PDB file of all heavy atoms in Angstrom:
ATOM      1  N   LYS A   1      46.497  40.601   9.713  1.00  0.00           N
ATOM      2  CA  LYS A   1      45.320  41.464   9.870  1.00  0.00           C
ATOM      3  C   LYS A   1      45.693  42.770  10.563  1.00  0.00           C
ATOM      4  O   LYS A   1      45.248  43.844  10.158  1.00  0.00           O
ATOM      5  CB  LYS A   1      44.243  40.732  10.665  1.00  0.00           C
ATOM      6  CG  LYS A   1      42.943  41.517  10.800  1.00  0.00           C
ATOM      7  CD  LYS A   1      41.861  40.688  11.474  1.00  0.00           C
ATOM      8  CE  LYS A   1      40.549  41.459  11.541  1.00  0.00           C
ATOM      9  NZ  LYS A   1      39.464  40.658  12.165  1.00  0.00           N
ATOM     10  N   GLU A   2      46.530  42.680  11.591  1.00  0.00           N
ATOM     11  CA  GLU A   2      46.898  43.877  12.332  1.00  0.00           C
ATOM     12  C   GLU A   2      47.855  44.773  11.543  1.00  0.00           C
ATOM     13  O   GLU A   2      47.737  45.999  11.577  1.00  0.00           O
ATOM     14  CB  GLU A   2      47.544  43.489  13.662  1.00  0.00           C
ATOM     15  CG  GLU A   2      47.892  44.694  14.534  1.00  0.00           C
ATOM     16  CD  GLU A   2      48.182  44.306  15.970  1.00  0.00           C
ATOM     17  OE1 GLU A   2      47.596  43.314  16.459  1.00  0.00           O
ATOM     18  OE2 GLU A   2      49.002  44.992  16.608  1.00  0.00           O
ATOM     19  N   LEU A   3      48.787  44.176  10.806  1.00  0.00           N
ATOM     20  CA  LEU A   3      49.798  44.968  10.110  1.00  0.00           C
ATOM     21  C   LEU A   3      49.370  45.410   8.716  1.00  0.00           C
ATOM     22  O   LEU A   3      49.812  46.445   8.232  1.00  0.00           O
ATOM     23  CB  LEU A   3      51.104  44.175  10.008  1.00  0.00           C
ATOM     24  CG  LEU A   3      51.784  43.804  11.334  1.00  0.00           C
ATOM     25  CD1 LEU A   3      53.099  43.085  11.063  1.00  0.00           C
ATOM     26  CD2 LEU A   3      52.023  45.041  12.191  1.00  0.00           C
ATOM     27  N   TYR A   4      48.522  44.605   8.059  1.00  0.00           N
ATOM     28  CA  TYR A   4      48.179  44.893   6.663  1.00  0.00           C
ATOM     29  C   TYR A   4      46.671  44.935   6.402  1.00  0.00           C
ATOM     30  O   TYR A   4      46.258  45.046   5.242  1.00  0.00           O
ATOM     31  CB  TYR A   4      48.805  43.827   5.743  1.00  0.00           C
ATOM     32  CG  TYR A   4      50.304  43.719   5.864  1.00  0.00           C
ATOM     33  CD1 TYR A   4      50.888  42.677   6.575  1.00  0.00           C
ATOM     34  CD2 TYR A   4      51.143  44.655   5.265  1.00  0.00           C
ATOM     35  CE1 TYR A   4      52.267  42.559   6.689  1.00  0.00           C
ATOM     36  CE2 TYR A   4      52.518  44.553   5.368  1.00  0.00           C
ATOM     37  CZ  TYR A   4      53.082  43.497   6.081  1.00  0.00           C
ATOM     38  OH  TYR A   4      54.440  43.396   6.196  1.00  0.00           O
ATOM     39  N   ASN A   5      45.869  44.829   7.456  1.00  0.00           N
ATOM     40  CA  ASN A   5      44.415  44.757   7.293  1.00  0.00           C
ATOM     41  C   ASN A   5      44.008  43.626   6.347  1.00  0.00           C
ATOM     42  O   ASN A   5      43.066  43.745   5.557  1.00  0.00           O
ATOM     43  CB  ASN A   5      43.860  46.093   6.768  1.00  0.00           C
ATOM     44  CG  ASN A   5      44.029  47.219   7.767  1.00  0.00           C
ATOM     45  OD1 ASN A   5      43.808  47.026   8.965  1.00  0.00           O
ATOM     46  ND2 ASN A   5      44.436  48.377   7.292  1.00  0.00           N
ATOM     47  N   TRP A   6      44.745  42.550   6.402  1.00  0.00           N
ATOM     48  CA  TRP A   6      44.534  41.405   5.532  1.00  0.00           C
ATOM     49  C   TRP A   6      43.447  40.520   6.128  1.00  0.00           C
ATOM     50  O   TRP A   6      43.615  39.927   7.181  1.00  0.00           O
ATOM     51  CB  TRP A   6      45.830  40.611   5.395  1.00  0.00           C
ATOM     52  CG  TRP A   6      45.849  39.616   4.270  1.00  0.00           C
ATOM     53  CD1 TRP A   6      44.787  38.951   3.760  1.00  0.00           C
ATOM     54  CD2 TRP A   6      46.988  39.181   3.529  1.00  0.00           C
ATOM     55  NE1 TRP A   6      45.170  38.111   2.761  1.00  0.00           N
ATOM     56  CE2 TRP A   6      46.523  38.225   2.588  1.00  0.00           C
ATOM     57  CE3 TRP A   6      48.336  39.475   3.567  1.00  0.00           C
ATOM     58  CZ2 TRP A   6      47.383  37.583   1.704  1.00  0.00           C
ATOM     59  CZ3 TRP A   6      49.184  38.833   2.687  1.00  0.00           C
ATOM     60  CH2 TRP A   6      48.714  37.911   1.763  1.00  0.00           C
ATOM     61  N   GLU A   7      42.321  40.419   5.445  1.00  0.00           N
ATOM     62  CA  GLU A   7      41.232  39.560   5.900  1.00  0.00           C
ATOM     63  C   GLU A   7      41.463  38.163   5.342  1.00  0.00           C
ATOM     64  O   GLU A   7      41.347  37.930   4.149  1.00  0.00           O
ATOM     65  CB  GLU A   7      39.881  40.110   5.435  1.00  0.00           C
ATOM     66  CG  GLU A   7      39.512  41.439   6.064  1.00  0.00           C
ATOM     67  CD  GLU A   7      39.296  41.349   7.572  1.00  0.00           C
ATOM     68  OE1 GLU A   7      38.947  40.242   8.056  1.00  0.00           O
ATOM     69  OE2 GLU A   7      39.476  42.367   8.264  1.00  0.00           O
ATOM     70  N   GLU A   8      41.803  37.235   6.195  1.00  0.00           N
ATOM     71  CA  GLU A   8      42.110  35.881   5.759  1.00  0.00           C
ATOM     72  C   GLU A   8      41.503  34.890   6.736  1.00  0.00           C
ATOM     73  O   GLU A   8      41.267  35.203   7.909  1.00  0.00           O
ATOM     74  CB  GLU A   8      43.625  35.689   5.672  1.00  0.00           C
ATOM     75  CG  GLU A   8      44.069  34.428   4.972  1.00  0.00           C
ATOM     76  CD  GLU A   8      43.509  34.309   3.575  1.00  0.00           C
ATOM     77  OE1 GLU A   8      43.840  35.146   2.716  1.00  0.00           O
ATOM     78  OE2 GLU A   8      42.720  33.379   3.356  1.00  0.00           O
ATOM     79  N   THR A   9      41.230  33.700   6.270  1.00  0.00           N
ATOM     80  CA  THR A   9      40.635  32.665   7.102  1.00  0.00           C
ATOM     81  C   THR A   9      41.426  31.368   6.948  1.00  0.00           C
ATOM     82  O   THR A   9      42.381  31.296   6.187  1.00  0.00           O
ATOM     83  CB  THR A   9      39.171  32.407   6.698  1.00  0.00           C
ATOM     84  OG1 THR A   9      39.134  31.971   5.327  1.00  0.00           O
ATOM     85  CG2 THR A   9      38.337  33.668   6.852  1.00  0.00           C
ATOM     86  N   VAL A  10      40.994  30.366   7.669  1.00  0.00           N
ATOM     87  CA  VAL A  10      41.580  29.041   7.519  1.00  0.00           C
ATOM     88  C   VAL A  10      40.943  28.371   6.300  1.00  0.00           C
ATOM     89  O   VAL A  10      39.729  28.345   6.155  1.00  0.00           O
ATOM     90  CB  VAL A  10      41.344  28.183   8.777  1.00  0.00           C
ATOM     91  CG1 VAL A  10      41.910  26.785   8.580  1.00  0.00           C
ATOM     92  CG2 VAL A  10      41.972  28.850   9.991  1.00  0.00           C
ATOM     93  N   HIS A  11      41.800  27.860   5.405  1.00  0.00           N
ATOM     94  CA  HIS A  11      41.318  27.192   4.195  1.00  0.00           C
ATOM     95  C   HIS A  11      41.402  25.676   4.368  1.00  0.00           C
ATOM     96  O   HIS A  11      42.433  25.152   4.781  1.00  0.00           O
ATOM     97  CB  HIS A  11      42.174  27.571   2.980  1.00  0.00           C
ATOM     98  CG  HIS A  11      42.082  29.008   2.596  1.00  0.00           C
ATOM     99  ND1 HIS A  11      40.963  29.550   2.029  1.00  0.00           N
ATOM    100  CD2 HIS A  11      42.973  30.018   2.698  1.00  0.00           C
ATOM    101  CE1 HIS A  11      41.168  30.837   1.795  1.00  0.00           C
ATOM    102  NE2 HIS A  11      42.380  31.149   2.201  1.00  0.00           N
ATOM    103  N   PHE A  12      40.308  24.989   4.020  1.00  0.00           N
ATOM    104  CA  PHE A  12      40.321  23.533   3.936  1.00  0.00           C
ATOM    105  C   PHE A  12      39.976  23.173   2.496  1.00  0.00           C
ATOM    106  O   PHE A  12      38.811  23.198   2.095  1.00  0.00           O
ATOM    107  CB  PHE A  12      39.333  22.913   4.922  1.00  0.00           C
ATOM    108  CG  PHE A  12      39.729  23.084   6.359  1.00  0.00           C
ATOM    109  CD1 PHE A  12      39.148  24.071   7.142  1.00  0.00           C
ATOM    110  CD2 PHE A  12      40.705  22.276   6.924  1.00  0.00           C
ATOM    111  CE1 PHE A  12      39.516  24.234   8.470  1.00  0.00           C
ATOM    112  CE2 PHE A  12      41.091  22.436   8.244  1.00  0.00           C
ATOM    113  CZ  PHE A  12      40.502  23.418   9.021  1.00  0.00           C
ATOM    114  N   ASN A  13      41.014  22.873   1.705  1.00  0.00           N
ATOM    115  CA  ASN A  13      40.836  22.697   0.267  1.00  0.00           C
ATOM    116  C   ASN A  13      40.387  21.302  -0.140  1.00  0.00           C
ATOM    117  O   ASN A  13      39.832  21.117  -1.219  1.00  0.00           O
ATOM    118  CB  ASN A  13      42.143  23.021  -0.458  1.00  0.00           C
ATOM    119  CG  ASN A  13      42.557  24.466  -0.261  1.00  0.00           C
ATOM    120  OD1 ASN A  13      41.716  25.338  -0.112  1.00  0.00           O
ATOM    121  ND2 ASN A  13      43.857  24.724  -0.263  1.00  0.00           N
ATOM    122  N   MET A  14      40.640  20.321   0.722  1.00  0.00           N
ATOM    123  CA  MET A  14      40.290  18.956   0.367  1.00  0.00           C
ATOM    124  C   MET A  14      38.819  18.709   0.684  1.00  0.00           C
ATOM    125  O   MET A  14      38.458  18.038   1.656  1.00  0.00           O
ATOM    126  CB  MET A  14      41.188  17.966   1.085  1.00  0.00           C
ATOM    127  CG  MET A  14      41.078  16.543   0.550  1.00  0.00           C
ATOM    128  SD  MET A  14      41.675  16.377  -1.135  1.00  0.00           S
ATOM    129  CE  MET A  14      43.388  15.988  -0.813  1.00  0.00           C
ATOM    130  N   THR A  15      37.966  19.301  -0.148  1.00  0.00           N
ATOM    131  CA  THR A  15      36.530  19.092  -0.001  1.00  0.00           C
ATOM    132  C   THR A  15      36.204  17.623  -0.305  1.00  0.00           C
ATOM    133  O   THR A  15      36.998  16.918  -0.947  1.00  0.00           O
ATOM    134  CB  THR A  15      35.747  19.986  -0.969  1.00  0.00           C
ATOM    135  OG1 THR A  15      36.117  19.620  -2.322  1.00  0.00           O
ATOM    136  CG2 THR A  15      36.079  21.448  -0.744  1.00  0.00           C
ATOM    137  N   PRO A  16      35.048  17.130   0.139  1.00  0.00           N
ATOM    138  CA  PRO A  16      34.674  15.745  -0.191  1.00  0.00           C
ATOM    139  C   PRO A  16      34.718  15.476  -1.693  1.00  0.00           C
ATOM    140  O   PRO A  16      35.135  14.393  -2.126  1.00  0.00           O
ATOM    141  CB  PRO A  16      33.258  15.633   0.371  1.00  0.00           C
ATOM    142  CG  PRO A  16      33.236  16.603   1.516  1.00  0.00           C
ATOM    143  CD  PRO A  16      34.083  17.759   1.061  1.00  0.00           C
ATOM    144  N   GLU A  17      34.287  16.465  -2.498  1.00  0.00           N
ATOM    145  CA  GLU A  17      34.293  16.280  -3.949  1.00  0.00           C
ATOM    146  C   GLU A  17      35.724  16.152  -4.472  1.00  0.00           C
ATOM    147  O   GLU A  17      36.016  15.276  -5.299  1.00  0.00           O
ATOM    148  CB  GLU A  17      33.597  17.457  -4.638  1.00  0.00           C
ATOM    149  CG  GLU A  17      33.542  17.310  -6.156  1.00  0.00           C
ATOM    150  CD  GLU A  17      32.847  18.479  -6.837  1.00  0.00           C
ATOM    151  OE1 GLU A  17      32.580  19.496  -6.154  1.00  0.00           O
ATOM    152  OE2 GLU A  17      32.579  18.380  -8.044  1.00  0.00           O
ATOM    153  N   ASN A  18      36.638  17.029  -3.996  1.00  0.00           N
ATOM    154  CA  ASN A  18      38.015  16.955  -4.462  1.00  0.00           C
ATOM    155  C   ASN A  18      38.708  15.682  -3.982  1.00  0.00           C
ATOM    156  O   ASN A  18      39.491  15.075  -4.716  1.00  0.00           O
ATOM    157  CB  ASN A  18      38.794  18.190  -3.995  1.00  0.00           C
ATOM    158  CG  ASN A  18      38.442  19.427  -4.786  1.00  0.00           C
ATOM    159  OD1 ASN A  18      38.024  19.343  -5.939  1.00  0.00           O
ATOM    160  ND2 ASN A  18      38.596  20.590  -4.176  1.00  0.00           N
ATOM    161  N   MET A  19      38.414  15.266  -2.754  1.00  0.00           N
ATOM    162  CA  MET A  19      38.987  14.019  -2.249  1.00  0.00           C
ATOM    163  C   MET A  19      38.523  12.842  -3.103  1.00  0.00           C
ATOM    164  O   MET A  19      39.316  11.969  -3.482  1.00  0.00           O
ATOM    165  CB  MET A  19      38.604  13.802  -0.789  1.00  0.00           C
ATOM    166  CG  MET A  19      39.108  12.489  -0.197  1.00  0.00           C
ATOM    167  SD  MET A  19      40.912  12.394  -0.023  1.00  0.00           S
ATOM    168  CE  MET A  19      41.112  13.224   1.586  1.00  0.00           C
ATOM    169  N   ALA A  20      37.230  12.818  -3.435  1.00  0.00           N
ATOM    170  CA  ALA A  20      36.684  11.723  -4.247  1.00  0.00           C
ATOM    171  C   ALA A  20      37.311  11.710  -5.639  1.00  0.00           C
ATOM    172  O   ALA A  20      37.636  10.635  -6.175  1.00  0.00           O
ATOM    173  CB  ALA A  20      35.166  11.849  -4.341  1.00  0.00           C
ATOM    174  N   THR A  21      37.494  12.893  -6.228  1.00  0.00           N
ATOM    175  CA  THR A  21      38.086  12.971  -7.559  1.00  0.00           C
ATOM    176  C   THR A  21      39.526  12.475  -7.543  1.00  0.00           C
ATOM    177  O   THR A  21      39.940  11.677  -8.398  1.00  0.00           O
ATOM    178  CB  THR A  21      38.043  14.416  -8.083  1.00  0.00           C
ATOM    179  OG1 THR A  21      36.686  14.838  -8.220  1.00  0.00           O
ATOM    180  CG2 THR A  21      38.733  14.519  -9.437  1.00  0.00           C
ATOM    181  N   ILE A  22      40.309  12.949  -6.570  1.00  0.00           N
ATOM    182  CA  ILE A  22      41.711  12.534  -6.496  1.00  0.00           C
ATOM    183  C   ILE A  22      41.819  11.037  -6.251  1.00  0.00           C
ATOM    184  O   ILE A  22      42.660  10.350  -6.848  1.00  0.00           O
ATOM    185  CB  ILE A  22      42.440  13.338  -5.406  1.00  0.00           C
ATOM    186  CG1 ILE A  22      42.539  14.808  -5.830  1.00  0.00           C
ATOM    187  CG2 ILE A  22      43.843  12.775  -5.155  1.00  0.00           C
ATOM    188  CD1 ILE A  22      43.056  15.739  -4.754  1.00  0.00           C
ATOM    189  N   LYS A  23      40.946  10.489  -5.404  1.00  0.00           N
ATOM    190  CA  LYS A  23      40.956   9.039  -5.177  1.00  0.00           C
ATOM    191  C   LYS A  23      40.636   8.284  -6.469  1.00  0.00           C
ATOM    192  O   LYS A  23      41.204   7.213  -6.729  1.00  0.00           O
ATOM    193  CB  LYS A  23      39.958   8.671  -4.077  1.00  0.00           C
ATOM    194  CG  LYS A  23      40.430   9.022  -2.669  1.00  0.00           C
ATOM    195  CD  LYS A  23      39.403   8.612  -1.618  1.00  0.00           C
ATOM    196  CE  LYS A  23      39.911   8.896  -0.209  1.00  0.00           C
ATOM    197  NZ  LYS A  23      38.916   8.521   0.844  1.00  0.00           N
ATOM    198  N   SER A  24      39.753   8.851  -7.288  1.00  0.00           N
ATOM    199  CA  SER A  24      39.415   8.188  -8.556  1.00  0.00           C
ATOM    200  C   SER A  24      40.584   8.215  -9.530  1.00  0.00           C
ATOM    201  O   SER A  24      40.664   7.375 -10.440  1.00  0.00           O
ATOM    202  CB  SER A  24      38.186   8.854  -9.196  1.00  0.00           C
ATOM    203  OG  SER A  24      38.512  10.128  -9.760  1.00  0.00           O
ATOM    204  N   TRP A  25      41.492   9.188  -9.366  1.00  0.00           N
ATOM    205  CA  TRP A  25      42.678   9.278 -10.224  1.00  0.00           C
ATOM    206  C   TRP A  25      43.813   8.364  -9.761  1.00  0.00           C
ATOM    207  O   TRP A  25      44.767   8.135 -10.498  1.00  0.00           O
ATOM    208  CB  TRP A  25      43.186  10.714 -10.255  1.00  0.00           C
ATOM    209  CG  TRP A  25      42.314  11.684 -11.003  1.00  0.00           C
ATOM    210  CD1 TRP A  25      41.374  11.395 -11.951  1.00  0.00           C
ATOM    211  CD2 TRP A  25      42.330  13.113 -10.884  1.00  0.00           C
ATOM    212  NE1 TRP A  25      40.788  12.555 -12.421  1.00  0.00           N
ATOM    213  CE2 TRP A  25      41.358  13.626 -11.777  1.00  0.00           C
ATOM    214  CE3 TRP A  25      43.051  14.012 -10.103  1.00  0.00           C
ATOM    215  CZ2 TRP A  25      41.108  14.983 -11.915  1.00  0.00           C
ATOM    216  CZ3 TRP A  25      42.807  15.377 -10.242  1.00  0.00           C
ATOM    217  CH2 TRP A  25      41.846  15.865 -11.135  1.00  0.00           C
ATOM    218  N   ILE A  26      43.744   7.883  -8.520  1.00  0.00           N
ATOM    219  CA  ILE A  26      44.857   7.155  -7.902  1.00  0.00           C
ATOM    220  C   ILE A  26      45.339   5.959  -8.724  1.00  0.00           C
ATOM    221  O   ILE A  26      46.555   5.730  -8.831  1.00  0.00           O
ATOM    222  CB  ILE A  26      44.492   6.722  -6.464  1.00  0.00           C
ATOM    223  CG1 ILE A  26      44.424   7.951  -5.539  1.00  0.00           C
ATOM    224  CG2 ILE A  26      45.495   5.710  -5.913  1.00  0.00           C
ATOM    225  CD1 ILE A  26      45.717   8.729  -5.422  1.00  0.00           C
TER     226      ILE A  26
END
């Protein structure tokens, strides 16, 4: 952010829906 004005946040990609889908594929 300081060097490149890069607006970024913490990502949590394993949403409940994605977790449920991946578990169904197991």
